[in-house]
Amino acid sequence: MSIDGTTLERGKIMQKQAEILQAIEAYSRIIIHRHMRPDPDALGSQVGLAELLRSSYPEKEIYQVGGPVEGLAFLAEMQEVSDDLYQGALVIVTDTANAPRVSDKRFSLGDKLIKIDHHPNDEPYGDIVWVNTNASSCSEMIASFWQLFPEQLVMNEQSARLLYAGIVGDTGRFLYPSTSTETLSLAAKLRTFEFDASKLNRQISQMPLKVARLSGYVYEQIDADENGAAKVIFSKELMAQYGVSDSETASVVSLPGNIEEILAWAIFVQQPDGSYRVRLRSKGPVINELAKKHYGGGHPLASGANATDLAEVQEIYQEIQALCQQYMAENGKML
């Protein structure tokens, strides 16, 4: 009897999950990290896993560490730990494709390192690596981990709330193509726990008045070509004028996608040193290879990159234009 590719892949995933559970059960101290500049999935997967393990193994020491949560304190806060706690500890990093992006560089000081992520595994690190690029989010992966071991892992309201937040954040409230039947099934199971999902959705989606005013700037000033390639540039002076920080601009990144004529776009946010943080999004053309060329990476339709100056900003935009032109030629339509 033959075994199809899907069955074989599921078997590999289950084997990897079993290996991770074995490591978790073997260590009395576990320290969990995530990436810098966290989004709801980074915090949801990190602290959702921490709460799941606290509920399941109350005798263990479980810590969540990292830099500032940048406007997401309603989800979770980080803990302070001393360097000596890493000795003999299991370290888990969630939602982080490459080691340089891990928040708090002490992640390498532990006894064993586990990577759990849903981004392309272009830069592997860790002793155990579980990457599932088919998952909508790292939070979905943690939820599936819980479902596979119901006797060992005990879900609670705090963990369910955080994992649900991570799934909602990375699927754009279930609008993005990464939303699968598995995504919806796991989200439904998390919703059986008693947390205020309506309030949570409001907290994730609402924005300060100053950011709402910046949204108006995006719609007024967006630059788009005939093939649906678009860009918006936020200079340091503009951000000072609106009183917004770099992290707050994340709330407006999805806005160009609401415009029918726009296919792929970039938001360029100038940093204090004059360089630009680049947020890339697409409705069709694959953009993560473009991002890798400019010291970034991510998903096929949602990535990040960096530009040294306006010349590189223009270079990136021209590459987006070429991708959109090719996509339109091959598909003959916007979507």
Protein backbone atom coordinates (compact mmCIF):
# COMPACT_ATOMS: atom_id res chain seq x y z
CA MET A 1 0.00 0.00 0.00
CA SER A 2 1.46 3.37 -1.03
CA ILE A 3 1.64 6.41 1.24
CA ASP A 4 0.73 9.73 -0.37
CA GLY A 5 2.79 12.89 0.11
CA THR A 6 0.27 14.55 2.42
CA THR A 7 0.21 11.56 4.79
CA LEU A 8 4.02 11.43 4.82
CA GLU A 9 4.27 15.16 5.58
CA ARG A 10 1.76 14.88 8.42
CA GLY A 11 3.79 12.02 9.83
CA LYS A 12 6.95 14.16 9.82
CA ILE A 13 5.11 17.01 11.54
CA MET A 14 3.74 14.72 14.24
CA GLN A 15 7.21 13.26 14.79
CA LYS A 16 8.63 16.76 15.19
CA GLN A 17 5.86 17.74 17.61
CA ALA A 18 6.51 14.60 19.67
CA GLU A 19 10.21 15.48 19.80
CA ILE A 20 9.36 18.97 21.05
CA LEU A 21 7.01 17.61 23.73
CA GLN A 22 9.71 15.20 24.88
CA ALA A 23 12.16 18.11 25.25
CA ILE A 24 9.58 20.19 27.14
CA GLU A 25 8.95 17.35 29.57
CA ALA A 26 12.69 16.80 30.10
CA TYR A 27 13.47 20.35 31.29
CA SER A 28 12.43 22.04 34.53
CA ARG A 29 13.13 25.56 33.22
CA ILE A 30 11.88 26.86 29.86
CA ILE A 31 12.52 30.35 28.44
CA ILE A 32 10.50 31.48 25.41
CA HIS A 33 11.55 34.20 22.94
CA ARG A 34 10.02 35.79 19.79
CA HIS A 35 11.07 38.35 17.20
CA MET A 36 11.81 42.05 17.63
CA ARG A 37 9.03 44.56 16.94
CA PRO A 38 6.36 41.98 17.79
CA ASP A 39 2.97 41.65 16.13
CA PRO A 40 -0.03 39.78 17.61
CA ASP A 41 1.23 36.44 16.28
CA ALA A 42 4.69 36.88 17.80
CA LEU A 43 3.21 37.60 21.23
CA GLY A 44 0.32 35.21 20.76
CA SER A 45 2.53 32.23 19.96
CA GLN A 46 5.21 33.12 22.51
CA VAL A 47 3.06 33.85 25.54
CA GLY A 48 0.25 31.54 24.38
CA LEU A 49 2.78 28.70 24.53
CA ALA A 50 4.09 29.95 27.88
CA GLU A 51 0.58 29.97 29.38
CA LEU A 52 -0.17 26.54 27.88
CA LEU A 53 2.95 25.11 29.51
CA ARG A 54 2.26 26.82 32.85
CA SER A 55 -1.19 25.28 32.88
CA SER A 56 0.11 21.85 31.83
CA TYR A 57 3.26 21.71 33.99
CA PRO A 58 2.75 23.91 37.08
CA GLU A 59 5.93 22.53 38.65
CA LYS A 60 8.14 23.96 35.86
CA GLU A 61 9.64 27.44 35.60
CA ILE A 62 8.30 29.11 32.44
CA TYR A 63 9.46 32.56 31.30
CA GLN A 64 8.63 34.87 28.36
CA VAL A 65 11.32 37.36 27.47
CA GLY A 66 12.10 40.01 24.84
CA GLY A 67 12.16 43.70 24.17
CA PRO A 68 9.27 46.23 24.22
CA VAL A 69 5.84 45.00 23.09
CA GLU A 70 5.21 48.29 21.24
CA GLY A 71 1.53 49.04 21.82
CA LEU A 72 0.48 45.42 22.42
CA ALA A 73 0.57 45.44 26.21
CA PHE A 74 -3.13 44.47 26.19
CA LEU A 75 -1.93 41.05 25.00
CA ALA A 76 1.05 40.37 27.25
CA GLU A 77 4.10 41.78 28.99
CA MET A 78 7.62 40.42 29.11
CA GLN A 79 9.49 39.15 32.17
CA GLU A 80 12.98 40.04 33.38
CA VAL A 81 15.33 37.08 33.81
CA SER A 82 18.98 36.94 34.82
CA ASP A 83 21.66 35.37 32.63
CA ASP A 84 22.21 32.48 35.03
CA LEU A 85 18.65 31.20 34.45
CA TYR A 86 19.68 30.14 30.95
CA GLN A 87 22.10 27.58 32.37
CA GLY A 88 20.54 24.15 31.89
CA ALA A 89 17.37 25.67 30.40
CA LEU A 90 15.35 24.79 27.32
CA VAL A 91 14.94 27.82 25.06
CA ILE A 92 12.11 28.06 22.51
CA VAL A 93 11.88 30.77 19.85
CA THR A 94 8.53 31.29 18.11
CA ASP A 95 7.57 33.11 14.91
CA THR A 96 11.14 34.14 14.02
CA ALA A 97 12.64 33.10 10.69
CA ASN A 98 16.26 34.02 11.33
CA ALA A 99 18.42 34.30 14.42
CA PRO A 100 19.37 38.01 14.03
CA ARG A 101 15.66 38.94 14.46
CA VAL A 102 15.26 37.17 17.81
CA SER A 103 14.48 39.66 20.55
CA ASP A 104 17.02 39.30 23.40
CA LYS A 105 20.24 37.73 22.12
CA ARG A 106 20.60 35.48 25.16
CA PHE A 107 18.42 32.89 23.41
CA SER A 108 21.61 31.02 22.47
CA LEU A 109 22.75 30.63 26.09
CA GLY A 110 20.43 27.74 26.95
CA ASP A 111 21.12 24.01 27.01
CA LYS A 112 18.88 23.24 24.01
CA LEU A 113 17.19 25.48 21.44
CA ILE A 114 13.89 24.87 19.62
CA LYS A 115 12.66 26.92 16.66
CA ILE A 116 8.89 26.96 15.94
CA ASP A 117 7.94 29.06 12.94
CA HIS A 118 5.71 29.38 9.86
CA HIS A 119 8.02 31.47 7.68
CA PRO A 120 10.22 29.89 4.98
CA ASN A 121 13.15 28.16 6.67
CA ASP A 122 15.84 30.03 4.73
CA GLU A 123 18.10 30.43 7.77
CA PRO A 124 17.76 27.35 9.99
CA TYR A 125 18.89 27.57 13.61
CA GLY A 126 18.31 25.52 16.73
CA ASP A 127 18.65 21.89 17.81
CA ILE A 128 15.03 21.10 16.95
CA VAL A 129 13.37 22.95 14.07
CA TRP A 130 9.63 22.76 13.41
CA VAL A 131 8.64 24.93 10.45
CA ASN A 132 5.24 24.73 8.75
CA THR A 133 4.86 27.27 5.95
CA ASN A 134 1.31 26.03 5.32
CA ALA A 135 0.16 27.31 8.71
CA SER A 136 -1.54 30.71 8.78
CA SER A 137 0.42 31.69 11.86
CA CYS A 138 2.77 30.39 14.50
CA SER A 139 -0.16 30.63 16.91
CA GLU A 140 -2.03 28.12 14.74
CA MET A 141 0.95 25.79 15.05
CA ILE A 142 0.91 26.04 18.86
CA ALA A 143 -2.84 25.36 18.85
CA SER A 144 -2.31 22.26 16.68
CA PHE A 145 0.44 21.16 19.09
CA TRP A 146 -2.10 21.36 21.94
CA GLN A 147 -4.64 19.37 19.95
CA LEU A 148 -2.17 16.57 19.22
CA PHE A 149 -1.41 15.94 22.91
CA PRO A 150 -4.69 16.49 24.81
CA GLU A 151 -3.63 14.28 27.72
CA GLN A 152 -0.36 16.13 28.34
CA LEU A 153 -1.30 19.70 27.41
CA VAL A 154 -3.98 21.62 29.30
CA MET A 155 -5.40 24.70 27.62
CA ASN A 156 -6.64 27.63 29.72
CA GLU A 157 -8.43 30.91 28.98
CA GLN A 158 -5.23 32.98 28.92
CA SER A 159 -3.51 30.73 26.40
CA ALA A 160 -6.64 30.39 24.24
CA ARG A 161 -7.05 34.18 24.14
CA LEU A 162 -3.44 34.74 23.08
CA LEU A 163 -3.39 32.02 20.42
CA TYR A 164 -6.69 33.28 19.02
CA ALA A 165 -5.25 36.81 18.89
CA GLY A 166 -2.23 35.54 16.99
CA ILE A 167 -4.38 33.72 14.44
CA VAL A 168 -6.68 36.72 13.99
CA GLY A 169 -3.69 39.03 13.56
CA ASP A 170 -1.82 37.00 10.96
CA THR A 171 -4.93 36.10 8.93
CA GLY A 172 -6.27 39.67 8.85
CA ARG A 173 -9.36 38.44 10.72
CA PHE A 174 -9.55 35.35 8.46
CA LEU A 175 -9.39 37.36 5.21
CA TYR A 176 -5.93 36.33 3.94
CA PRO A 177 -5.32 33.33 1.64
CA SER A 178 -3.39 31.54 4.41
CA THR A 179 -6.71 30.95 6.22
CA SER A 180 -7.46 27.24 5.83
CA THR A 181 -10.12 24.88 7.12
CA GLU A 182 -7.58 23.85 9.77
CA THR A 183 -7.17 27.51 10.76
CA LEU A 184 -10.91 27.96 11.22
CA SER A 185 -11.29 24.65 13.05
CA LEU A 186 -8.58 25.50 15.57
CA ALA A 187 -9.89 29.05 16.03
CA ALA A 188 -13.35 27.60 16.76
CA LYS A 189 -11.88 25.27 19.40
CA LEU A 190 -10.06 28.17 21.04
CA ARG A 191 -13.31 30.14 21.11
CA THR A 192 -14.86 27.51 23.37
CA PHE A 193 -12.84 29.03 26.20
CA GLU A 194 -14.29 31.99 28.08
CA PHE A 195 -12.48 35.10 26.93
CA ASP A 196 -13.97 38.25 25.41
CA ALA A 197 -13.27 37.72 21.69
CA SER A 198 -15.20 40.84 20.66
CA LYS A 199 -13.11 43.05 22.93
CA LEU A 200 -9.95 41.33 21.73
CA ASN A 201 -10.82 41.97 18.08
CA ARG A 202 -11.47 45.64 18.87
CA GLN A 203 -8.14 45.95 20.66
CA ILE A 204 -6.28 44.44 17.72
CA SER A 205 -7.98 46.54 15.04
CA GLN A 206 -8.56 49.91 16.71
CA MET A 207 -6.10 52.77 16.26
CA PRO A 208 -5.39 56.14 17.88
CA LEU A 209 -6.84 59.25 16.22
CA LYS A 210 -3.39 60.33 15.01
CA VAL A 211 -2.96 57.02 13.16
CA ALA A 212 -6.45 57.37 11.68
CA ARG A 213 -5.39 60.75 10.33
CA LEU A 214 -2.28 59.12 8.87
CA SER A 215 -4.62 56.69 7.13
CA GLY A 216 -6.10 59.64 5.29
CA TYR A 217 -2.61 60.58 4.14
CA VAL A 218 -2.09 57.06 2.77
CA TYR A 219 -5.23 57.24 0.65
CA GLU A 220 -4.49 60.78 -0.52
CA GLN A 221 -0.81 60.34 -1.35
CA ILE A 222 -0.48 56.75 -2.53
CA ASP A 223 1.46 56.48 -5.78
CA ALA A 224 0.25 53.69 -8.10
CA ASP A 225 0.93 52.67 -11.70
CA GLU A 226 -1.27 51.10 -14.38
CA ASN A 227 -0.35 47.53 -13.31
CA GLY A 228 -1.31 48.00 -9.67
CA ALA A 229 2.13 48.59 -8.15
CA ALA A 230 1.93 51.20 -5.38
CA LYS A 231 4.04 52.91 -2.78
CA VAL A 232 3.74 55.37 0.10
CA ILE A 233 6.72 57.04 1.78
CA PHE A 234 6.66 58.23 5.39
CA SER A 235 9.53 60.65 5.99
CA LYS A 236 10.78 61.47 9.48
CA GLU A 237 9.26 64.93 9.10
CA LEU A 238 5.87 63.50 8.16
CA MET A 239 5.85 61.13 11.12
CA ALA A 240 6.75 64.00 13.44
CA GLN A 241 3.94 66.06 11.91
CA TYR A 242 1.40 63.31 12.67
CA GLY A 243 3.04 62.39 15.96
CA VAL A 244 3.33 58.69 15.11
CA SER A 245 6.10 56.19 15.82
CA ASP A 246 7.49 53.52 13.54
CA SER A 247 5.54 50.78 15.32
CA GLU A 248 2.28 52.70 14.96
CA THR A 249 2.60 52.81 11.18
CA ALA A 250 1.96 49.04 11.14
CA SER A 251 -1.76 49.82 11.50
CA VAL A 252 -1.93 51.38 8.03
CA VAL A 253 0.08 48.81 6.05
CA SER A 254 -2.98 46.87 4.88
CA LEU A 255 -4.93 49.95 3.72
CA PRO A 256 -3.74 50.00 0.08
CA GLY A 257 -5.15 46.49 -0.27
CA ASN A 258 -8.65 47.95 0.04
CA ILE A 259 -8.17 49.77 -3.27
CA GLU A 260 -9.46 47.75 -6.21
CA GLU A 261 -6.78 48.89 -8.64
CA ILE A 262 -3.82 48.06 -6.38
CA LEU A 263 -2.12 44.66 -6.66
CA ALA A 264 1.12 44.93 -4.65
CA TRP A 265 2.54 47.75 -2.56
CA ALA A 266 5.20 48.97 -0.17
CA ILE A 267 5.11 51.33 2.78
CA PHE A 268 8.51 52.97 3.29
CA VAL A 269 9.05 54.28 6.83
CA GLN A 270 12.11 56.44 7.38
CA GLN A 271 14.18 55.61 10.45
CA PRO A 272 16.14 58.03 12.69
CA ASP A 273 19.37 57.22 10.81
CA GLY A 274 17.78 58.11 7.46
CA SER A 275 17.31 54.54 6.22
CA TYR A 276 13.87 53.07 5.50
CA ARG A 277 11.95 50.16 6.96
CA VAL A 278 9.99 48.55 4.12
CA ARG A 279 6.67 46.79 4.60
CA LEU A 280 5.64 44.81 1.53
CA ARG A 281 2.21 43.36 0.77
CA SER A 282 0.63 41.69 -2.27
CA LYS A 283 -2.62 40.27 -3.58
CA GLY A 284 -0.88 37.98 -6.05
CA PRO A 285 2.74 38.59 -7.09
CA VAL A 286 5.23 36.77 -4.85
CA ILE A 287 7.28 39.38 -3.00
CA ASN A 288 9.43 37.54 -0.44
CA GLU A 289 12.26 36.91 -2.91
CA LEU A 290 12.35 40.65 -3.57
CA ALA A 291 12.50 41.23 0.19
CA LYS A 292 15.48 38.88 0.56
CA LYS A 293 17.45 40.97 -1.94
CA HIS A 294 17.06 43.94 0.41
CA TYR A 295 18.02 42.40 3.76
CA GLY A 296 14.56 41.12 4.58
CA GLY A 297 12.21 38.24 4.02
CA GLY A 298 8.85 36.84 5.02
CA HIS A 299 5.84 35.24 3.38
CA PRO A 300 5.07 35.15 -0.36
CA LEU A 301 2.40 37.85 0.05
CA ALA A 302 3.59 39.66 3.19
CA SER A 303 7.23 40.53 3.78
CA GLY A 304 9.58 43.13 5.16
CA ALA A 305 12.84 44.61 3.91
CA ASN A 306 15.22 47.54 4.36
CA ALA A 307 16.36 50.40 2.14
CA THR A 308 19.49 52.44 2.77
CA ASP A 309 18.25 55.60 1.06
CA LEU A 310 15.74 56.99 -1.43
CA ALA A 311 17.70 55.50 -4.32
CA GLU A 312 17.09 52.01 -2.90
CA VAL A 313 13.47 52.94 -2.19
CA GLN A 314 13.05 53.67 -5.89
CA GLU A 315 14.87 50.45 -6.79
CA ILE A 316 12.48 48.40 -4.66
CA TYR A 317 9.47 50.14 -6.15
CA GLN A 318 10.72 49.41 -9.67
CA GLU A 319 11.07 45.74 -8.72
CA ILE A 320 7.48 45.73 -7.45
CA GLN A 321 6.39 47.32 -10.72
CA ALA A 322 8.16 44.59 -12.70
CA LEU A 323 6.51 41.87 -10.60
CA CYS A 324 3.07 43.39 -11.10
CA GLN A 325 3.62 43.82 -14.82
CA GLN A 326 4.65 40.18 -15.14
CA TYR A 327 1.72 39.01 -13.01
CA MET A 328 -0.78 40.99 -15.08
CA ALA A 329 0.72 39.66 -18.33
CA GLU A 330 0.45 36.08 -17.11
CA ASN A 331 -2.98 36.34 -15.50
CA GLY A 332 -4.65 39.02 -17.60
CA LYS A 333 -6.47 40.39 -14.59
CA MET A 334 -5.92 42.03 -11.23
CA LEU A 335 -6.89 39.06 -9.05
